[in-house]
Amino acid sequence: MKKSFPYMLAACSALALVGCGSDDDSDEE
């Protein structure tokens, strides 16, 4: 099956860092 699925950014682009080092409430859960 094909679908969009939540995933984490494990490596950051050379052009911009997205979500790296940011807090995430889901981690606490």
ModelCIF file with pLDDT and N, C-alpha, C, O atoms, coordinates in Angstrom:
data_MODEL
#
_entry.id   MODEL 
#
_entity.id                         1 
_entity.type                       polymer 
_entity.pdbx_number_of_molecules   1 
#
_entity_poly.entity_id                      1 
_entity_poly.type                           'polypeptide(L)' 
_entity_poly.nstd_linkage                   no 
_entity_poly.nstd_monomer                   no 
_entity_poly.pdbx_seq_one_letter_code       MKKSFPYMLAACSALALVGCGSDDDSDEE 
_entity_poly.pdbx_seq_one_letter_code_can   MKKSFPYMLAACSALALVGCGSDDDSDEE 
_entity_poly.pdbx_strand_id                 A 
#
loop_
_entity_poly_seq.entity_id 
_entity_poly_seq.num 
_entity_poly_seq.mon_id 
_entity_poly_seq.hetero 
1 1  MET n 
1 2  LYS n 
1 3  LYS n 
1 4  SER n 
1 5  PHE n 
1 6  PRO n 
1 7  TYR n 
1 8  MET n 
1 9  LEU n 
1 10 ALA n 
1 11 ALA n 
1 12 CYS n 
1 13 SER n 
1 14 ALA n 
1 15 LEU n 
1 16 ALA n 
1 17 LEU n 
1 18 VAL n 
1 19 GLY n 
1 20 CYS n 
1 21 GLY n 
1 22 SER n 
1 23 ASP n 
1 24 ASP n 
1 25 ASP n 
1 26 SER n 
1 27 ASP n 
1 28 GLU n 
1 29 GLU n 
#
_struct_asym.id          A 
_struct_asym.entity_id   1 
#
loop_
_ma_qa_metric.id 
_ma_qa_metric.mode 
_ma_qa_metric.name 
_ma_qa_metric.software_group_id 
_ma_qa_metric.type 
1 global pLDDT . pLDDT 
2 local  pLDDT . pLDDT 
#
_ma_qa_metric_global.metric_id      1 
_ma_qa_metric_global.metric_value   39.24 
_ma_qa_metric_global.model_id       1 
_ma_qa_metric_global.ordinal_id     1 
#
loop_
_ma_qa_metric_local.label_asym_id 
_ma_qa_metric_local.label_comp_id 
_ma_qa_metric_local.label_seq_id 
_ma_qa_metric_local.metric_id 
_ma_qa_metric_local.metric_value 
_ma_qa_metric_local.model_id 
_ma_qa_metric_local.ordinal_id 
A MET 1  2 41.00 1 1  
A LYS 2  2 38.00 1 2  
A LYS 3  2 37.00 1 3  
A SER 4  2 36.00 1 4  
A PHE 5  2 31.00 1 5  
A PRO 6  2 31.00 1 6  
A TYR 7  2 31.00 1 7  
A MET 8  2 32.00 1 8  
A LEU 9  2 33.00 1 9  
A ALA 10 2 35.00 1 10 
A ALA 11 2 38.00 1 11 
A CYS 12 2 41.00 1 12 
A SER 13 2 39.00 1 13 
A ALA 14 2 38.00 1 14 
A LEU 15 2 37.00 1 15 
A ALA 16 2 38.00 1 16 
A LEU 17 2 38.00 1 17 
A VAL 18 2 39.00 1 18 
A GLY 19 2 38.00 1 19 
A CYS 20 2 42.00 1 20 
A GLY 21 2 39.00 1 21 
A SER 22 2 41.00 1 22 
A ASP 23 2 42.00 1 23 
A ASP 24 2 44.00 1 24 
A ASP 25 2 46.00 1 25 
A SER 26 2 46.00 1 26 
A ASP 27 2 50.00 1 27 
A GLU 28 2 48.00 1 28 
A GLU 29 2 49.00 1 29 
#
loop_
_atom_site.group_PDB 
_atom_site.id 
_atom_site.type_symbol 
_atom_site.label_atom_id 
_atom_site.label_alt_id 
_atom_site.label_comp_id 
_atom_site.label_asym_id 
_atom_site.label_entity_id 
_atom_site.label_seq_id 
_atom_site.pdbx_PDB_ins_code 
_atom_site.Cartn_x 
_atom_site.Cartn_y 
_atom_site.Cartn_z 
_atom_site.occupancy 
_atom_site.B_iso_or_equiv 
_atom_site.pdbx_formal_charge 
_atom_site.auth_seq_id 
_atom_site.auth_comp_id 
_atom_site.auth_asym_id 
_atom_site.auth_atom_id 
_atom_site.pdbx_PDB_model_num 
ATOM 1   N N  . MET A 1 1  ? 0.844  -1.192 0.000  1.00 41.00 ? 1  MET A N  1 
ATOM 2   C CA . MET A 1 1  ? 0.000  0.000  0.000  1.00 41.00 ? 1  MET A CA 1 
ATOM 3   C C  . MET A 1 1  ? 0.875  1.236  0.000  1.00 41.00 ? 1  MET A C  1 
ATOM 4   O O  . MET A 1 1  ? 2.023  1.188  0.442  1.00 41.00 ? 1  MET A O  1 
ATOM 5   N N  . LYS A 1 2  ? 0.344  2.339  -0.491 1.00 38.00 ? 2  LYS A N  1 
ATOM 6   C CA . LYS A 1 2  ? 1.072  3.593  -0.545 1.00 38.00 ? 2  LYS A CA 1 
ATOM 7   C C  . LYS A 1 2  ? 0.316  4.625  0.275  1.00 38.00 ? 2  LYS A C  1 
ATOM 8   O O  . LYS A 1 2  ? -0.901 4.765  0.154  1.00 38.00 ? 2  LYS A O  1 
ATOM 9   N N  . LYS A 1 3  ? 1.066  5.356  1.122  1.00 37.00 ? 3  LYS A N  1 
ATOM 10  C CA . LYS A 1 3  ? 0.445  6.410  1.917  1.00 37.00 ? 3  LYS A CA 1 
ATOM 11  C C  . LYS A 1 3  ? 1.523  7.332  2.446  1.00 37.00 ? 3  LYS A C  1 
ATOM 12  O O  . LYS A 1 3  ? 2.702  6.980  2.450  1.00 37.00 ? 3  LYS A O  1 
ATOM 13  N N  . SER A 1 4  ? 1.116  8.524  2.896  1.00 36.00 ? 4  SER A N  1 
ATOM 14  C CA . SER A 1 4  ? 2.037  9.383  3.616  1.00 36.00 ? 4  SER A CA 1 
ATOM 15  C C  . SER A 1 4  ? 2.129  8.866  5.031  1.00 36.00 ? 4  SER A C  1 
ATOM 16  O O  . SER A 1 4  ? 1.124  8.435  5.597  1.00 36.00 ? 4  SER A O  1 
ATOM 17  N N  . PHE A 1 5  ? 3.311  8.899  5.614  1.00 31.00 ? 5  PHE A N  1 
ATOM 18  C CA . PHE A 1 5  ? 3.491  8.328  6.942  1.00 31.00 ? 5  PHE A CA 1 
ATOM 19  C C  . PHE A 1 5  ? 4.432  9.200  7.752  1.00 31.00 ? 5  PHE A C  1 
ATOM 20  O O  . PHE A 1 5  ? 5.478  9.588  7.231  1.00 31.00 ? 5  PHE A O  1 
ATOM 21  N N  . PRO A 1 6  ? 4.118  9.530  9.006  1.00 31.00 ? 6  PRO A N  1 
ATOM 22  C CA . PRO A 1 6  ? 5.016  10.356 9.795  1.00 31.00 ? 6  PRO A CA 1 
ATOM 23  C C  . PRO A 1 6  ? 6.369  9.694  9.958  1.00 31.00 ? 6  PRO A C  1 
ATOM 24  O O  . PRO A 1 6  ? 6.472  8.488  10.184 1.00 31.00 ? 6  PRO A O  1 
ATOM 25  N N  . TYR A 1 7  ? 7.411  10.517 9.837  1.00 31.00 ? 7  TYR A N  1 
ATOM 26  C CA . TYR A 1 7  ? 8.740  9.996  10.046 1.00 31.00 ? 7  TYR A CA 1 
ATOM 27  C C  . TYR A 1 7  ? 9.626  11.086 10.609 1.00 31.00 ? 7  TYR A C  1 
ATOM 28  O O  . TYR A 1 7  ? 9.274  12.266 10.580 1.00 31.00 ? 7  TYR A O  1 
ATOM 29  N N  . MET A 1 8  ? 10.761 10.692 11.115 1.00 32.00 ? 8  MET A N  1 
ATOM 30  C CA . MET A 1 8  ? 11.659 11.656 11.738 1.00 32.00 ? 8  MET A CA 1 
ATOM 31  C C  . MET A 1 8  ? 12.814 11.994 10.809 1.00 32.00 ? 8  MET A C  1 
ATOM 32  O O  . MET A 1 8  ? 13.247 11.166 10.007 1.00 32.00 ? 8  MET A O  1 
ATOM 33  N N  . LEU A 1 9  ? 13.298 13.200 10.925 1.00 33.00 ? 9  LEU A N  1 
ATOM 34  C CA . LEU A 1 9  ? 14.465 13.625 10.175 1.00 33.00 ? 9  LEU A CA 1 
ATOM 35  C C  . LEU A 1 9  ? 15.700 13.221 10.948 1.00 33.00 ? 9  LEU A C  1 
ATOM 36  O O  . LEU A 1 9  ? 16.033 13.813 11.975 1.00 33.00 ? 9  LEU A O  1 
ATOM 37  N N  . ALA A 1 10 ? 16.376 12.201 10.439 1.00 35.00 ? 10 ALA A N  1 
ATOM 38  C CA . ALA A 1 10 ? 17.546 11.692 11.151 1.00 35.00 ? 10 ALA A CA 1 
ATOM 39  C C  . ALA A 1 10 ? 18.835 12.311 10.650 1.00 35.00 ? 10 ALA A C  1 
ATOM 40  O O  . ALA A 1 10 ? 19.852 12.274 11.342 1.00 35.00 ? 10 ALA A O  1 
ATOM 41  N N  . ALA A 1 11 ? 18.805 12.866 9.482  1.00 38.00 ? 11 ALA A N  1 
ATOM 42  C CA . ALA A 1 11 ? 19.989 13.548 8.968  1.00 38.00 ? 11 ALA A CA 1 
ATOM 43  C C  . ALA A 1 11 ? 19.536 14.822 8.302  1.00 38.00 ? 11 ALA A C  1 
ATOM 44  O O  . ALA A 1 11 ? 18.491 14.859 7.652  1.00 38.00 ? 11 ALA A O  1 
ATOM 45  N N  . CYS A 1 12 ? 20.337 15.888 8.468  1.00 41.00 ? 12 CYS A N  1 
ATOM 46  C CA . CYS A 1 12 ? 19.887 17.207 8.052  1.00 41.00 ? 12 CYS A CA 1 
ATOM 47  C C  . CYS A 1 12 ? 20.464 17.594 6.707  1.00 41.00 ? 12 CYS A C  1 
ATOM 48  O O  . CYS A 1 12 ? 21.598 17.251 6.376  1.00 41.00 ? 12 CYS A O  1 
ATOM 49  N N  . SER A 1 13 ? 19.668 18.311 5.941  1.00 39.00 ? 13 SER A N  1 
ATOM 50  C CA . SER A 1 13 ? 20.098 18.782 4.644  1.00 39.00 ? 13 SER A CA 1 
ATOM 51  C C  . SER A 1 13 ? 21.310 19.679 4.766  1.00 39.00 ? 13 SER A C  1 
ATOM 52  O O  . SER A 1 13 ? 21.513 20.332 5.790  1.00 39.00 ? 13 SER A O  1 
ATOM 53  N N  . ALA A 1 14 ? 22.118 19.708 3.709  1.00 38.00 ? 14 ALA A N  1 
ATOM 54  C CA . ALA A 1 14 ? 23.251 20.623 3.677  1.00 38.00 ? 14 ALA A CA 1 
ATOM 55  C C  . ALA A 1 14 ? 22.782 22.059 3.559  1.00 38.00 ? 14 ALA A C  1 
ATOM 56  O O  . ALA A 1 14 ? 23.561 22.981 3.804  1.00 38.00 ? 14 ALA A O  1 
ATOM 57  N N  . LEU A 1 15 ? 21.527 22.273 3.189  1.00 37.00 ? 15 LEU A N  1 
ATOM 58  C CA . LEU A 1 15 ? 21.033 23.615 2.967  1.00 37.00 ? 15 LEU A CA 1 
ATOM 59  C C  . LEU A 1 15 ? 20.338 24.196 4.185  1.00 37.00 ? 15 LEU A C  1 
ATOM 60  O O  . LEU A 1 15 ? 20.383 25.410 4.385  1.00 37.00 ? 15 LEU A O  1 
ATOM 61  N N  . ALA A 1 16 ? 19.704 23.384 4.998  1.00 38.00 ? 16 ALA A N  1 
ATOM 62  C CA . ALA A 1 16 ? 19.026 23.859 6.183  1.00 38.00 ? 16 ALA A CA 1 
ATOM 63  C C  . ALA A 1 16 ? 18.775 22.698 7.110  1.00 38.00 ? 16 ALA A C  1 
ATOM 64  O O  . ALA A 1 16 ? 18.598 21.564 6.665  1.00 38.00 ? 16 ALA A O  1 
ATOM 65  N N  . LEU A 1 17 ? 18.758 22.978 8.396  1.00 38.00 ? 17 LEU A N  1 
ATOM 66  C CA . LEU A 1 17 ? 18.523 21.937 9.382  1.00 38.00 ? 17 LEU A CA 1 
ATOM 67  C C  . LEU A 1 17 ? 17.086 22.045 9.856  1.00 38.00 ? 17 LEU A C  1 
ATOM 68  O O  . LEU A 1 17 ? 16.671 23.104 10.327 1.00 38.00 ? 17 LEU A O  1 
ATOM 69  N N  . VAL A 1 18 ? 16.339 20.996 9.743  1.00 39.00 ? 18 VAL A N  1 
ATOM 70  C CA . VAL A 1 18 ? 14.921 21.024 10.044 1.00 39.00 ? 18 VAL A CA 1 
ATOM 71  C C  . VAL A 1 18 ? 14.609 20.074 11.183 1.00 39.00 ? 18 VAL A C  1 
ATOM 72  O O  . VAL A 1 18 ? 14.770 18.862 11.039 1.00 39.00 ? 18 VAL A O  1 
ATOM 73  N N  . GLY A 1 19 ? 14.171 20.598 12.300 1.00 38.00 ? 19 GLY A N  1 
ATOM 74  C CA . GLY A 1 19 ? 13.768 19.761 13.408 1.00 38.00 ? 19 GLY A CA 1 
ATOM 75  C C  . GLY A 1 19 ? 14.925 19.180 14.178 1.00 38.00 ? 19 GLY A C  1 
ATOM 76  O O  . GLY A 1 19 ? 14.701 18.403 15.106 1.00 38.00 ? 19 GLY A O  1 
ATOM 77  N N  . CYS A 1 20 ? 16.174 19.526 13.832 1.00 42.00 ? 20 CYS A N  1 
ATOM 78  C CA . CYS A 1 20 ? 17.329 18.984 14.533 1.00 42.00 ? 20 CYS A CA 1 
ATOM 79  C C  . CYS A 1 20 ? 17.511 19.724 15.841 1.00 42.00 ? 20 CYS A C  1 
ATOM 80  O O  . CYS A 1 20 ? 17.622 20.950 15.851 1.00 42.00 ? 20 CYS A O  1 
ATOM 81  N N  . GLY A 1 21 ? 17.543 19.007 16.928 1.00 39.00 ? 21 GLY A N  1 
ATOM 82  C CA . GLY A 1 21 ? 17.777 19.619 18.218 1.00 39.00 ? 21 GLY A CA 1 
ATOM 83  C C  . GLY A 1 21 ? 16.539 20.226 18.836 1.00 39.00 ? 21 GLY A C  1 
ATOM 84  O O  . GLY A 1 21 ? 16.627 20.797 19.923 1.00 39.00 ? 21 GLY A O  1 
ATOM 85  N N  . SER A 1 22 ? 15.389 20.131 18.194 1.00 41.00 ? 22 SER A N  1 
ATOM 86  C CA . SER A 1 22 ? 14.175 20.716 18.742 1.00 41.00 ? 22 SER A CA 1 
ATOM 87  C C  . SER A 1 22 ? 13.494 19.745 19.689 1.00 41.00 ? 22 SER A C  1 
ATOM 88  O O  . SER A 1 22 ? 13.649 18.530 19.573 1.00 41.00 ? 22 SER A O  1 
ATOM 89  N N  . ASP A 1 23 ? 12.725 20.306 20.642 1.00 42.00 ? 23 ASP A N  1 
ATOM 90  C CA . ASP A 1 23 ? 11.998 19.477 21.582 1.00 42.00 ? 23 ASP A CA 1 
ATOM 91  C C  . ASP A 1 23 ? 10.767 18.893 20.903 1.00 42.00 ? 23 ASP A C  1 
ATOM 92  O O  . ASP A 1 23 ? 10.254 19.462 19.940 1.00 42.00 ? 23 ASP A O  1 
ATOM 93  N N  . ASP A 1 24 ? 10.294 17.758 21.407 1.00 44.00 ? 24 ASP A N  1 
ATOM 94  C CA . ASP A 1 24 ? 9.130  17.088 20.828 1.00 44.00 ? 24 ASP A CA 1 
ATOM 95  C C  . ASP A 1 24 ? 8.340  16.451 21.954 1.00 44.00 ? 24 ASP A C  1 
ATOM 96  O O  . ASP A 1 24 ? 8.844  15.575 22.657 1.00 44.00 ? 24 ASP A O  1 
ATOM 97  N N  . ASP A 1 25 ? 7.081  16.898 22.127 1.00 46.00 ? 25 ASP A N  1 
ATOM 98  C CA . ASP A 1 25 ? 6.245  16.368 23.194 1.00 46.00 ? 25 ASP A CA 1 
ATOM 99  C C  . ASP A 1 25 ? 6.051  14.869 23.073 1.00 46.00 ? 25 ASP A C  1 
ATOM 100 O O  . ASP A 1 25 ? 5.862  14.172 24.069 1.00 46.00 ? 25 ASP A O  1 
ATOM 101 N N  . SER A 1 26 ? 6.101  14.365 21.802 1.00 46.00 ? 26 SER A N  1 
ATOM 102 C CA . SER A 1 26 ? 5.877  12.935 21.614 1.00 46.00 ? 26 SER A CA 1 
ATOM 103 C C  . SER A 1 26 ? 6.982  12.124 22.268 1.00 46.00 ? 26 SER A C  1 
ATOM 104 O O  . SER A 1 26 ? 6.757  10.974 22.646 1.00 46.00 ? 26 SER A O  1 
ATOM 105 N N  . ASP A 1 27 ? 8.178  12.701 22.410 1.00 50.00 ? 27 ASP A N  1 
ATOM 106 C CA . ASP A 1 27 ? 9.255  12.000 23.083 1.00 50.00 ? 27 ASP A CA 1 
ATOM 107 C C  . ASP A 1 27 ? 8.897  11.744 24.542 1.00 50.00 ? 27 ASP A C  1 
ATOM 108 O O  . ASP A 1 27 ? 9.158  10.666 25.078 1.00 50.00 ? 27 ASP A O  1 
ATOM 109 N N  . GLU A 1 28 ? 8.281  12.771 25.192 1.00 48.00 ? 28 GLU A N  1 
ATOM 110 C CA . GLU A 1 28 ? 7.907  12.627 26.594 1.00 48.00 ? 28 GLU A CA 1 
ATOM 111 C C  . GLU A 1 28 ? 6.852  11.549 26.756 1.00 48.00 ? 28 GLU A C  1 
ATOM 112 O O  . GLU A 1 28 ? 6.851  10.814 27.743 1.00 48.00 ? 28 GLU A O  1 
ATOM 113 N N  . GLU A 1 29 ? 5.952  11.457 25.781 1.00 49.00 ? 29 GLU A N  1 
ATOM 114 C CA . GLU A 1 29 ? 4.897  10.462 25.853 1.00 49.00 ? 29 GLU A CA 1 
ATOM 115 C C  . GLU A 1 29 ? 5.435  9.044  25.706 1.00 49.00 ? 29 GLU A C  1 
ATOM 116 O O  . GLU A 1 29 ? 4.665  8.084  25.745 1.00 49.00 ? 29 GLU A O  1 
#
